[in-house]
Amino acid sequence: MITYSDPNDNIDLATIDAGDVVVRGPDGTLLEVTGLSSPTDAANQIEVTYTDAAPGGAWDGADNGPYVVQLKAGAVADVS
């Protein structure tokens, strides 16, 4: 889950989509972001949960380890 915040309640919901983040698995493999929860009301703080595809098609013990989630620059904007 990622929390976006804007003190002026001006987060542009139209800019939130599956292309906002990059997820890398323990071995550096890039994972496909397949979906997200859709916030429906702009507020000064919005929580978005992104979903990604399992490495190799299914989660198993080989997938244990650290994952890195990076927000793409400029991916989410405010209305101003």
N, C-alpha and C. Protein backbone atom coordinates (compact mmCIF):
# COMPACT_ATOMS: atom_id res chain seq x y z
N MET A 1 0.84 -1.17 0.00
CA MET A 1 0.00 0.00 0.00
C MET A 1 0.90 1.24 0.00
N ILE A 2 0.51 2.22 -0.79
CA ILE A 2 1.21 3.50 -0.85
C ILE A 2 0.22 4.58 -0.44
N THR A 3 0.69 5.50 0.39
CA THR A 3 -0.13 6.62 0.81
C THR A 3 0.35 7.88 0.11
N TYR A 4 -0.54 8.50 -0.63
CA TYR A 4 -0.26 9.78 -1.28
C TYR A 4 -0.88 10.86 -0.41
N SER A 5 -0.19 11.98 -0.27
CA SER A 5 -0.77 13.06 0.52
C SER A 5 -0.52 14.41 -0.14
N ASP A 6 -1.47 15.30 0.07
CA ASP A 6 -1.41 16.67 -0.42
C ASP A 6 -2.17 17.51 0.61
N PRO A 7 -1.50 18.47 1.24
CA PRO A 7 -2.16 19.23 2.30
C PRO A 7 -3.36 20.03 1.83
N ASN A 8 -3.52 20.23 0.54
CA ASN A 8 -4.63 21.04 0.02
C ASN A 8 -5.77 20.21 -0.56
N ASP A 9 -5.79 18.91 -0.30
CA ASP A 9 -6.86 18.02 -0.82
C ASP A 9 -6.97 18.06 -2.33
N ASN A 10 -5.86 18.15 -3.02
CA ASN A 10 -5.90 18.32 -4.47
C ASN A 10 -5.26 17.18 -5.25
N ILE A 11 -5.28 15.97 -4.75
CA ILE A 11 -4.72 14.84 -5.50
C ILE A 11 -5.63 14.58 -6.70
N ASP A 12 -5.03 14.46 -7.87
CA ASP A 12 -5.79 14.21 -9.10
C ASP A 12 -5.98 12.70 -9.24
N LEU A 13 -7.17 12.22 -8.90
CA LEU A 13 -7.45 10.78 -8.93
C LEU A 13 -7.26 10.18 -10.32
N ALA A 14 -7.43 10.96 -11.35
CA ALA A 14 -7.28 10.47 -12.72
C ALA A 14 -5.84 10.07 -13.05
N THR A 15 -4.88 10.53 -12.24
CA THR A 15 -3.48 10.19 -12.50
C THR A 15 -3.02 8.94 -11.78
N ILE A 16 -3.89 8.32 -10.98
CA ILE A 16 -3.53 7.11 -10.24
C ILE A 16 -3.91 5.90 -11.07
N ASP A 17 -2.91 5.10 -11.45
CA ASP A 17 -3.16 3.89 -12.24
C ASP A 17 -2.04 2.87 -12.01
N ALA A 18 -2.14 1.73 -12.66
CA ALA A 18 -1.17 0.65 -12.48
C ALA A 18 0.22 1.00 -12.97
N GLY A 19 0.35 2.05 -13.76
CA GLY A 19 1.65 2.46 -14.26
C GLY A 19 2.43 3.37 -13.32
N ASP A 20 1.92 3.60 -12.12
CA ASP A 20 2.56 4.52 -11.18
C ASP A 20 3.83 3.97 -10.55
N VAL A 21 3.90 2.66 -10.41
CA VAL A 21 5.00 2.06 -9.65
C VAL A 21 5.74 1.00 -10.45
N VAL A 22 6.98 0.75 -10.02
CA VAL A 22 7.80 -0.34 -10.54
C VAL A 22 8.10 -1.25 -9.35
N VAL A 23 7.90 -2.56 -9.52
CA VAL A 23 8.16 -3.53 -8.45
C VAL A 23 9.22 -4.51 -8.93
N ARG A 24 10.27 -4.67 -8.12
CA ARG A 24 11.34 -5.62 -8.43
C ARG A 24 11.40 -6.67 -7.33
N GLY A 25 11.55 -7.93 -7.75
CA GLY A 25 11.65 -9.04 -6.82
C GLY A 25 13.04 -9.18 -6.25
N PRO A 26 13.24 -10.19 -5.38
CA PRO A 26 14.52 -10.38 -4.69
C PRO A 26 15.71 -10.54 -5.62
N ASP A 27 15.49 -11.11 -6.79
CA ASP A 27 16.60 -11.30 -7.74
C ASP A 27 16.68 -10.17 -8.77
N GLY A 28 15.91 -9.10 -8.55
CA GLY A 28 15.92 -7.96 -9.46
C GLY A 28 14.93 -8.06 -10.59
N THR A 29 14.18 -9.15 -10.65
CA THR A 29 13.19 -9.34 -11.70
C THR A 29 12.08 -8.30 -11.59
N LEU A 30 11.75 -7.69 -12.70
CA LEU A 30 10.67 -6.72 -12.77
C LEU A 30 9.34 -7.47 -12.76
N LEU A 31 8.44 -7.11 -11.84
CA LEU A 31 7.13 -7.75 -11.75
C LEU A 31 6.08 -6.88 -12.43
N GLU A 32 5.10 -7.50 -13.03
CA GLU A 32 4.02 -6.76 -13.69
C GLU A 32 3.01 -6.29 -12.65
N VAL A 33 2.71 -5.01 -12.63
CA VAL A 33 1.65 -4.48 -11.77
C VAL A 33 0.35 -4.73 -12.52
N THR A 34 -0.54 -5.50 -11.88
CA THR A 34 -1.74 -5.96 -12.57
C THR A 34 -3.02 -5.23 -12.16
N GLY A 35 -2.97 -4.47 -11.08
CA GLY A 35 -4.17 -3.78 -10.65
C GLY A 35 -3.91 -2.92 -9.44
N LEU A 36 -4.97 -2.25 -8.98
CA LEU A 36 -4.88 -1.41 -7.81
C LEU A 36 -6.26 -1.15 -7.25
N SER A 37 -6.30 -0.78 -5.97
CA SER A 37 -7.56 -0.33 -5.40
C SER A 37 -7.82 1.06 -5.95
N SER A 38 -9.06 1.39 -6.18
CA SER A 38 -9.39 2.67 -6.81
C SER A 38 -10.01 3.62 -5.80
N PRO A 39 -9.25 4.64 -5.38
CA PRO A 39 -9.85 5.63 -4.49
C PRO A 39 -10.94 6.39 -5.24
N THR A 40 -12.02 6.70 -4.56
CA THR A 40 -13.14 7.35 -5.22
C THR A 40 -13.37 8.78 -4.74
N ASP A 41 -12.67 9.18 -3.70
CA ASP A 41 -12.89 10.51 -3.15
C ASP A 41 -11.55 11.17 -2.90
N ALA A 42 -11.34 12.31 -3.50
CA ALA A 42 -10.09 13.03 -3.28
C ALA A 42 -10.04 13.52 -1.84
N ALA A 43 -8.90 13.41 -1.25
CA ALA A 43 -8.69 13.86 0.12
C ALA A 43 -7.24 14.26 0.26
N ASN A 44 -6.87 14.74 1.43
CA ASN A 44 -5.47 15.14 1.60
C ASN A 44 -4.57 13.93 1.79
N GLN A 45 -5.15 12.75 2.01
CA GLN A 45 -4.37 11.52 2.12
C GLN A 45 -5.17 10.38 1.51
N ILE A 46 -4.56 9.71 0.53
CA ILE A 46 -5.23 8.61 -0.17
C ILE A 46 -4.33 7.38 -0.11
N GLU A 47 -4.90 6.25 0.28
CA GLU A 47 -4.16 4.99 0.31
C GLU A 47 -4.53 4.17 -0.92
N VAL A 48 -3.50 3.69 -1.62
CA VAL A 48 -3.71 2.88 -2.82
C VAL A 48 -2.93 1.58 -2.65
N THR A 49 -3.60 0.46 -2.86
CA THR A 49 -2.94 -0.84 -2.81
C THR A 49 -2.75 -1.33 -4.23
N TYR A 50 -1.50 -1.55 -4.61
CA TYR A 50 -1.16 -2.05 -5.95
C TYR A 50 -1.00 -3.57 -5.87
N THR A 51 -1.41 -4.26 -6.92
CA THR A 51 -1.31 -5.71 -7.00
C THR A 51 -0.33 -6.07 -8.11
N ASP A 52 0.54 -7.04 -7.84
CA ASP A 52 1.47 -7.46 -8.90
C ASP A 52 1.38 -8.95 -9.13
N ALA A 53 1.82 -9.36 -10.31
CA ALA A 53 1.81 -10.77 -10.68
C ALA A 53 2.94 -11.50 -9.94
N ALA A 54 2.69 -12.73 -9.57
CA ALA A 54 3.70 -13.54 -8.88
C ALA A 54 4.84 -13.90 -9.82
N PRO A 55 6.07 -13.88 -9.32
CA PRO A 55 7.18 -14.31 -10.16
C PRO A 55 6.98 -15.77 -10.58
N GLY A 56 7.16 -16.07 -11.82
CA GLY A 56 6.99 -17.44 -12.29
C GLY A 56 5.55 -17.89 -12.33
N GLY A 57 4.59 -16.98 -12.10
CA GLY A 57 3.18 -17.33 -12.22
C GLY A 57 2.51 -17.77 -10.93
N ALA A 58 3.26 -18.09 -9.88
CA ALA A 58 2.67 -18.51 -8.60
C ALA A 58 3.63 -18.19 -7.47
N TRP A 59 3.07 -17.81 -6.32
CA TRP A 59 3.91 -17.51 -5.16
C TRP A 59 4.36 -18.82 -4.52
N ASP A 60 5.66 -18.92 -4.24
CA ASP A 60 6.20 -20.09 -3.55
C ASP A 60 7.43 -19.68 -2.74
N GLY A 61 8.05 -20.63 -2.08
CA GLY A 61 9.18 -20.34 -1.21
C GLY A 61 10.34 -19.67 -1.92
N ALA A 62 10.50 -19.92 -3.20
CA ALA A 62 11.60 -19.31 -3.96
C ALA A 62 11.41 -17.79 -4.10
N ASP A 63 10.20 -17.31 -3.82
CA ASP A 63 9.91 -15.88 -3.96
C ASP A 63 10.19 -15.08 -2.69
N ASN A 64 10.66 -15.75 -1.63
CA ASN A 64 10.97 -15.06 -0.39
C ASN A 64 12.15 -14.12 -0.58
N GLY A 65 12.09 -13.00 0.10
CA GLY A 65 13.18 -12.04 0.04
C GLY A 65 12.65 -10.62 -0.07
N PRO A 66 13.56 -9.68 -0.16
CA PRO A 66 13.14 -8.27 -0.22
C PRO A 66 12.62 -7.88 -1.60
N TYR A 67 11.56 -7.09 -1.60
CA TYR A 67 11.00 -6.52 -2.82
C TYR A 67 11.16 -5.01 -2.75
N VAL A 68 11.40 -4.38 -3.89
CA VAL A 68 11.57 -2.94 -3.95
C VAL A 68 10.42 -2.36 -4.77
N VAL A 69 9.73 -1.38 -4.19
CA VAL A 69 8.65 -0.69 -4.88
C VAL A 69 9.10 0.76 -5.06
N GLN A 70 9.08 1.22 -6.30
CA GLN A 70 9.49 2.59 -6.60
C GLN A 70 8.35 3.32 -7.30
N LEU A 71 8.10 4.53 -6.87
CA LEU A 71 7.11 5.38 -7.52
C LEU A 71 7.80 6.06 -8.70
N LYS A 72 7.16 6.00 -9.88
CA LYS A 72 7.71 6.66 -11.05
C LYS A 72 7.55 8.17 -10.90
N ALA A 73 8.58 8.90 -11.26
CA ALA A 73 8.56 10.36 -11.15
C ALA A 73 7.40 10.92 -11.97
N GLY A 74 6.64 11.80 -11.37
CA GLY A 74 5.55 12.47 -12.06
C GLY A 74 4.33 11.61 -12.32
N ALA A 75 4.29 10.39 -11.78
CA ALA A 75 3.20 9.47 -12.09
C ALA A 75 1.87 9.92 -11.46
N VAL A 76 1.92 10.44 -10.27
CA VAL A 76 0.69 10.89 -9.59
C VAL A 76 0.84 12.40 -9.38
N ALA A 77 -0.22 13.12 -9.70
CA ALA A 77 -0.14 14.58 -9.65
C ALA A 77 -1.29 15.15 -8.82
N ASP A 78 -1.16 16.43 -8.52
CA ASP A 78 -2.30 17.12 -7.92
C ASP A 78 -3.00 17.92 -9.01
N VAL A 79 -4.14 18.46 -8.70
CA VAL A 79 -4.93 19.13 -9.73
C VAL A 79 -4.38 20.50 -10.12
N SER A 80 -3.46 21.03 -9.34
CA SER A 80 -2.86 22.31 -9.71
C SER A 80 -1.51 22.03 -10.30
